[in-house]
Protein backbone atom coordinates (compact mmCIF):
# COMPACT_ATOMS: atom_id res chain seq x y z
CA MET A 1 25.03 -40.84 5.74
CA SER A 2 26.54 -39.55 2.66
CA THR A 3 26.62 -37.02 -0.37
CA PRO A 4 28.64 -35.77 -3.22
CA GLY A 5 30.67 -32.63 -3.56
CA ASN A 6 33.61 -30.80 -5.67
CA ALA A 7 36.31 -28.58 -6.01
CA ALA A 8 38.43 -26.11 -4.15
CA ASN A 9 39.61 -22.66 -3.20
CA PRO A 10 42.91 -22.17 -4.02
CA ALA A 11 43.12 -19.11 -1.11
CA GLU A 12 42.32 -21.83 1.23
CA LEU A 13 44.41 -24.55 -0.22
CA THR A 14 47.11 -26.23 2.22
CA GLU A 15 49.02 -29.30 1.12
CA THR A 16 52.80 -30.78 1.22
CA THR A 17 52.52 -32.58 -1.99
CA GLU A 18 54.26 -31.41 -5.15
CA ASP A 19 51.04 -30.63 -7.00
CA LYS A 20 48.99 -27.80 -5.14
CA ARG A 21 46.15 -27.20 -7.99
CA PRO A 22 43.02 -28.61 -7.19
CA LYS A 23 42.32 -31.70 -8.61
CA PHE A 24 38.79 -31.65 -9.85
CA GLY A 25 37.28 -28.52 -10.50
CA ASN A 26 38.36 -26.58 -13.56
CA ARG A 27 35.25 -24.26 -14.74
CA PHE A 28 35.70 -20.94 -13.45
CA LEU A 29 33.62 -17.43 -12.79
CA THR A 30 35.15 -14.34 -14.16
CA ASP A 31 32.41 -12.34 -14.77
CA ASP A 32 29.52 -12.26 -13.19
CA ASN A 33 27.31 -12.10 -16.13
CA ASP A 34 28.35 -15.56 -17.05
CA VAL A 35 26.80 -16.89 -13.61
CA PHE A 36 23.50 -18.68 -15.40
CA LYS A 37 25.82 -19.82 -18.39
CA HIS A 38 26.56 -23.34 -16.57
CA ASN A 39 25.41 -25.58 -13.78
CA ALA A 40 28.44 -25.07 -11.42
CA TRP A 41 31.21 -22.98 -10.67
CA ASP A 42 34.48 -24.45 -9.15
CA ASN A 43 36.80 -22.35 -6.55
CA VAL A 44 34.11 -19.70 -6.36
CA GLU A 45 35.45 -17.03 -3.23
CA TRP A 46 33.22 -15.25 -1.12
CA ASP A 47 33.27 -11.65 0.06
CA GLU A 48 32.92 -10.20 3.21
CA GLU A 49 29.56 -9.12 2.77
CA GLN A 50 28.22 -12.81 1.69
CA GLU A 51 30.08 -14.24 4.64
CA LYS A 52 28.21 -11.35 7.03
CA GLU A 53 25.09 -12.56 5.39
CA ALA A 54 25.80 -16.26 5.96
CA LEU A 55 27.06 -15.58 10.01
CA ALA A 56 23.33 -13.92 10.21
CA ALA A 57 21.45 -16.62 9.01
CA VAL A 58 23.39 -19.24 11.35
CA THR A 59 22.62 -16.82 13.98
CA LYS A 60 19.07 -16.86 13.71
CA ASN A 61 18.77 -20.38 13.10
CA SER A 62 20.84 -21.57 15.90
CA THR A 63 19.53 -19.20 18.56
CA GLN A 64 16.70 -21.37 19.69
CA LYS A 65 18.37 -24.84 20.52
CA MET A 66 15.96 -28.11 20.26
CA ASN A 67 14.72 -29.37 23.95
CA ALA A 68 16.65 -31.58 25.80
CA GLU A 69 14.10 -34.38 25.62
CA ASP A 70 13.70 -34.19 21.48
CA LYS A 71 17.43 -33.76 21.34
CA GLU A 72 18.27 -36.79 23.02
CA LYS A 73 15.57 -38.67 21.23
CA PHE A 74 17.26 -38.16 17.69
CA GLN A 75 20.98 -38.66 19.24
CA ASN A 76 19.85 -41.92 20.77
CA ASP A 77 17.80 -43.48 17.89
CA ALA A 78 19.77 -42.26 15.17
CA ASP A 79 20.36 -46.00 13.67
CA LYS A 80 16.41 -45.79 13.24
CA PHE A 81 15.87 -42.79 11.16
CA TRP A 82 19.18 -43.98 9.05
CA ASP A 83 17.07 -47.47 8.41
CA SER A 84 13.71 -45.26 7.90
CA PHE A 85 15.79 -43.09 5.29
CA TYR A 86 17.31 -46.26 3.24
CA GLY A 87 13.76 -47.90 3.53
CA VAL A 88 12.15 -45.05 1.74
CA HIS A 89 15.06 -44.21 -0.78
CA GLN A 90 16.91 -47.66 -0.87
CA ASN A 91 19.83 -46.91 -3.49
CA ARG A 92 17.93 -44.31 -5.33
CA PHE A 93 18.72 -41.22 -3.44
CA PHE A 94 23.00 -40.68 -3.45
CA LYS A 95 24.92 -41.31 -6.96
CA ASP A 96 27.68 -43.37 -6.90
CA ARG A 97 31.09 -40.94 -6.33
CA HIS A 98 32.94 -41.81 -9.49
CA TRP A 99 34.83 -38.69 -8.80
CA LEU A 100 36.36 -40.55 -6.10
CA PHE A 101 39.64 -41.39 -8.16
CA THR A 102 40.17 -37.82 -9.40
CA GLU A 103 39.59 -36.09 -5.79
CA PHE A 104 41.34 -39.48 -3.76
CA THR A 105 43.62 -40.97 -6.31
CA GLU A 106 45.07 -43.03 -3.87
CA LEU A 107 41.90 -45.26 -4.25
CA ALA A 108 42.86 -46.07 -7.67
CA ALA A 109 44.71 -49.61 -8.20
CA PRO A 110 48.03 -48.90 -8.92
CA HIS A 111 49.05 -48.90 -12.98
CA ALA A 112 51.72 -51.59 -12.91
CA ALA A 113 50.37 -55.05 -12.44
CA GLU A 114 54.15 -55.44 -10.00
CA ASP A 115 52.85 -52.76 -8.02
CA GLN A 116 49.65 -54.32 -7.02
CA LYS A 117 50.44 -55.55 -3.28
CA PRO A 118 47.86 -56.79 -1.03
CA ARG A 119 45.45 -53.44 -0.11
CA SER A 120 43.03 -52.83 2.34
CA ILE A 121 40.50 -50.16 2.50
CA PHE A 122 37.72 -49.59 5.06
CA GLU A 123 34.86 -46.88 4.72
CA LEU A 124 32.87 -46.27 8.05
CA GLY A 125 29.05 -45.15 7.00
CA CYS A 126 29.58 -46.80 3.55
CA GLY A 127 25.39 -46.87 3.41
CA VAL A 128 24.80 -48.43 0.13
CA GLY A 129 27.71 -48.52 -1.54
CA ASN A 130 28.11 -45.34 -3.20
CA THR A 131 32.05 -45.09 -2.45
CA ILE A 132 32.61 -49.23 -2.23
CA LEU A 133 30.76 -50.47 -5.47
CA PRO A 134 33.09 -48.10 -7.84
CA ILE A 135 36.35 -48.84 -5.86
CA LEU A 136 35.03 -52.46 -6.76
CA LYS A 137 33.99 -51.93 -9.91
CA TYR A 138 37.28 -49.77 -11.12
CA SER A 139 39.76 -52.03 -9.30
CA ASN A 140 41.66 -55.09 -10.68
CA GLU A 141 43.94 -55.46 -7.67
CA PRO A 142 44.00 -59.65 -7.28
CA GLN A 143 44.62 -58.87 -3.27
CA LEU A 144 42.54 -55.74 -3.15
CA LYS A 145 40.12 -56.23 0.38
CA VAL A 146 37.44 -53.55 0.81
CA TYR A 147 35.39 -53.77 3.99
CA GLY A 148 32.64 -51.17 4.80
CA CYS A 149 30.29 -50.59 7.97
CA ASP A 150 27.42 -48.75 8.71
CA PHE A 151 25.05 -48.30 11.92
CA SER A 152 22.43 -48.63 9.51
CA GLU A 153 20.90 -52.40 8.91
CA ARG A 154 18.88 -51.33 6.31
CA ALA A 155 21.68 -50.02 4.27
CA ILE A 156 23.86 -52.99 4.73
CA GLU A 157 21.32 -55.21 3.28
CA ILE A 158 20.49 -52.90 0.13
CA LEU A 159 24.33 -52.78 -0.44
CA LYS A 160 24.66 -57.09 -0.24
CA THR A 161 22.08 -57.51 -2.36
CA SER A 162 23.46 -55.01 -5.34
CA LYS A 163 24.92 -56.85 -8.48
CA ASP A 164 28.06 -55.40 -8.16
CA TYR A 165 28.72 -56.00 -4.48
CA ASP A 166 31.87 -59.19 -4.82
CA ALA A 167 31.30 -60.70 -1.56
CA LYS A 168 35.11 -62.20 -2.15
CA ARG A 169 36.44 -58.95 -2.07
CA CYS A 170 34.30 -57.19 0.10
CA GLU A 171 33.02 -57.57 3.52
CA VAL A 172 30.14 -55.18 4.88
CA PHE A 173 28.59 -55.33 7.95
CA VAL A 174 26.50 -53.44 10.82
CA MET A 175 28.40 -51.25 13.50
CA ASP A 176 28.40 -48.16 15.85
CA ALA A 177 31.68 -46.34 14.74
CA THR A 178 31.31 -44.11 17.94
CA LEU A 179 31.99 -47.27 20.14
CA ASP A 180 35.01 -47.30 22.37
CA GLU A 181 35.99 -50.58 21.16
CA TRP A 182 35.43 -51.76 17.53
CA SER A 183 33.84 -55.35 16.46
CA VAL A 184 35.66 -55.45 12.82
CA PRO A 185 37.24 -58.70 11.12
CA PHE A 186 40.45 -56.98 10.76
CA ALA A 187 43.63 -56.33 13.27
CA GLU A 188 44.81 -52.99 14.68
CA GLY A 189 47.43 -51.51 12.65
CA SER A 190 46.77 -53.30 9.68
CA LEU A 191 44.61 -51.05 7.41
CA ASP A 192 45.79 -49.19 4.50
CA ILE A 193 43.55 -46.67 4.16
CA ILE A 194 39.99 -45.46 5.91
CA VAL A 195 37.81 -43.24 4.06
CA LEU A 196 35.37 -41.21 5.71
CA ILE A 197 32.89 -39.38 3.20
CA PHE A 198 29.86 -37.10 4.77
CA VAL A 199 29.57 -39.66 7.48
CA LEU A 200 31.22 -37.96 10.86
CA SER A 201 28.84 -34.85 10.15
CA ALA A 202 26.05 -37.69 11.13
CA ILE A 203 27.58 -38.12 14.76
CA GLU A 204 27.36 -36.32 17.83
CA PRO A 205 30.47 -33.67 18.38
CA THR A 206 31.41 -35.01 21.55
CA LYS A 207 31.88 -38.52 20.24
CA MET A 208 33.85 -37.22 17.17
CA SER A 209 37.33 -37.67 18.82
CA ARG A 210 36.69 -41.20 19.64
CA VAL A 211 36.09 -42.19 16.22
CA ALA A 212 39.22 -40.02 15.00
CA GLY A 213 41.51 -42.15 17.91
CA SER A 214 40.02 -45.32 16.66
CA CYS A 215 40.79 -44.79 13.02
CA PHE A 216 44.33 -43.65 13.81
CA ARG A 217 44.29 -47.04 16.22
CA TYR A 218 43.53 -49.57 13.14
CA LEU A 219 45.67 -47.82 10.41
CA ARG A 220 49.06 -49.38 9.77
CA PRO A 221 51.72 -46.83 10.27
CA GLY A 222 51.89 -44.59 7.15
CA GLY A 223 48.36 -45.53 6.40
CA LEU A 224 46.11 -43.11 5.04
CA LEU A 225 42.80 -41.23 6.50
CA LEU A 226 41.04 -39.70 3.43
CA PHE A 227 38.10 -37.53 4.85
CA ARG A 228 35.42 -35.41 2.87
CA ASP A 229 32.22 -33.86 4.47
CA TYR A 230 30.17 -30.83 5.30
CA GLY A 231 31.70 -27.17 5.69
CA ARG A 232 30.80 -24.20 8.14
CA TYR A 233 28.17 -21.89 5.89
CA ASP A 234 27.01 -24.69 3.48
CA MET A 235 23.85 -23.66 2.04
CA ALA A 236 22.37 -26.43 3.64
CA GLN A 237 23.26 -25.02 6.81
CA LEU A 238 21.78 -21.61 6.08
CA ARG A 239 18.80 -23.17 4.65
CA PHE A 240 17.72 -24.72 8.38
CA LYS A 241 14.79 -23.03 10.44
CA SER A 242 14.95 -22.40 14.00
CA GLY A 243 14.00 -25.13 16.35
CA LYS A 244 16.28 -27.82 14.34
CA CYS A 245 19.46 -26.97 16.14
CA LEU A 246 20.70 -29.26 18.74
CA GLU A 247 23.86 -27.22 19.09
CA ASP A 248 26.01 -25.06 17.61
CA ASN A 249 26.24 -26.11 13.98
CA PHE A 250 24.57 -29.42 14.62
CA TYR A 251 21.09 -29.65 13.02
CA VAL A 252 18.67 -32.22 12.84
CA ARG A 253 17.11 -32.70 9.40
CA GLY A 254 13.22 -33.38 8.44
CA ASP A 255 14.37 -37.07 8.38
CA GLY A 256 15.68 -37.38 11.46
CA THR A 257 18.78 -37.56 10.40
CA LEU A 258 21.51 -35.38 11.97
CA VAL A 259 24.35 -33.31 10.27
CA TYR A 260 27.81 -31.31 11.46
CA PHE A 261 28.92 -28.30 9.56
CA PHE A 262 32.60 -28.14 10.36
CA THR A 263 35.64 -25.66 9.98
CA GLN A 264 38.72 -26.47 8.35
CA GLU A 265 40.45 -25.63 11.69
CA GLU A 266 38.26 -28.47 13.48
CA VAL A 267 38.82 -31.04 11.29
CA ARG A 268 42.70 -29.99 11.62
CA ASP A 269 42.17 -30.44 15.44
CA LEU A 270 40.36 -33.35 15.33
CA PHE A 271 42.66 -35.74 13.90
CA CYS A 272 46.14 -34.53 14.66
CA LYS A 273 45.41 -34.37 18.02
CA VAL A 274 45.07 -38.38 18.14
CA GLY A 275 48.50 -38.38 16.09
CA PHE A 276 47.65 -37.74 12.49
CA VAL A 277 50.19 -35.58 10.28
CA GLU A 278 48.12 -33.68 7.96
CA GLU A 279 49.22 -34.18 4.08
CA HIS A 280 46.14 -32.20 2.43
CA SER A 281 43.20 -29.83 3.27
CA VAL A 282 41.25 -27.78 1.29
CA VAL A 283 37.96 -25.53 1.77
CA ASP A 284 35.91 -26.58 -1.12
CA ARG A 285 33.63 -23.65 -2.18
CA ARG A 286 31.01 -24.30 -5.24
CA LEU A 287 28.58 -22.30 -6.69
CA GLN A 288 25.82 -24.34 -8.19
CA VAL A 289 22.85 -22.64 -10.55
CA ASN A 290 19.35 -23.38 -11.20
CA ARG A 291 19.19 -22.11 -14.55
CA GLY A 292 15.49 -22.32 -15.04
CA ARG A 293 14.70 -20.15 -11.40
CA MET A 294 17.96 -18.59 -11.67
CA LEU A 295 18.97 -19.59 -8.44
CA LYS A 296 22.40 -19.40 -6.76
CA MET A 297 23.27 -21.79 -4.59
CA TYR A 298 26.51 -21.89 -2.72
CA ARG A 299 27.80 -25.13 -1.49
CA VAL A 300 30.94 -25.58 0.93
CA TRP A 301 32.95 -29.01 1.81
CA ILE A 302 36.14 -29.60 3.81
CA GLN A 303 38.52 -31.96 2.43
CA THR A 304 41.44 -33.50 4.04
CA LYS A 305 43.86 -36.46 3.91
CA MET A 306 45.66 -37.29 7.09
CA ARG A 307 48.56 -39.61 7.54
CA LYS A 308 49.20 -41.90 10.64
CA PRO A 309 53.22 -41.17 10.70
CA ILE A 310 55.57 -44.26 10.45
CA THR A 311 56.76 -43.08 14.27
CA GLU A 312 53.55 -42.44 15.93
CA THR A 313 53.48 -39.23 18.28
CA ILE A 314 50.62 -38.13 19.93
CA ASN A 315 50.04 -34.30 20.40
CA GLN A 316 48.89 -33.71 23.74
């Protein structure tokens, strides 16, 4: 349950930290005639016409909803479809996310040895380790403990056989994060960081708030949740054919895996309603180009940082 991504739109950036600049992208398209000079451009602003075209494409591919029987099959057998996905692709489909430490500096180890206190990081939907393995590789923290879960048994098996997997510092396991009660090797209120990168989009929308609530419960007061996922009108959403839509903005891919496309407001409401405080939120728009075929591809991602308050107050 994962994919890579980058960049940010300054017009839609809301942040409470001092540095309000996008941290990853730094290549900006100022002249449309230069569009095919590079493979990608950051912080691409959409005009009104492009927004209308995207809405029309989504309206067209979502008018015909999937029948109830097929919808139930894809939702109930989600773990089997991800097992099949990883059985085919192994660890070759997704690249390791080395951009993590630029976008989410909190994942990097403190520079000073005296600042290296015990830390615990938990990733939901860890897949074959494209987030976990870079953390293990680049961290020299003696007291770091990294946890990961995925509901694909095959993904966990592949991750454990990686040469970079360190069982002394890492523990991964199979778990369905949408369950009311988690079976995990750590206590409630104990985690420093929870990572949700391209995972919540693979979950039924009606179960997302349950996952958000569980994350809140297991983070320590002051703990941080790091989120990155697909945004509304991302290229992938516009490309779906009619009949692949289970419900508004929620689709099934050709391989049977599911994907939801968020708005910034949906993500904010989802986590703030269970008690989180938003520290950073950005709609990350990027233009990728195929210079050989002269194609333009617009990507949209939502990236946020949510903090569990020291004193818990849940918005009703």
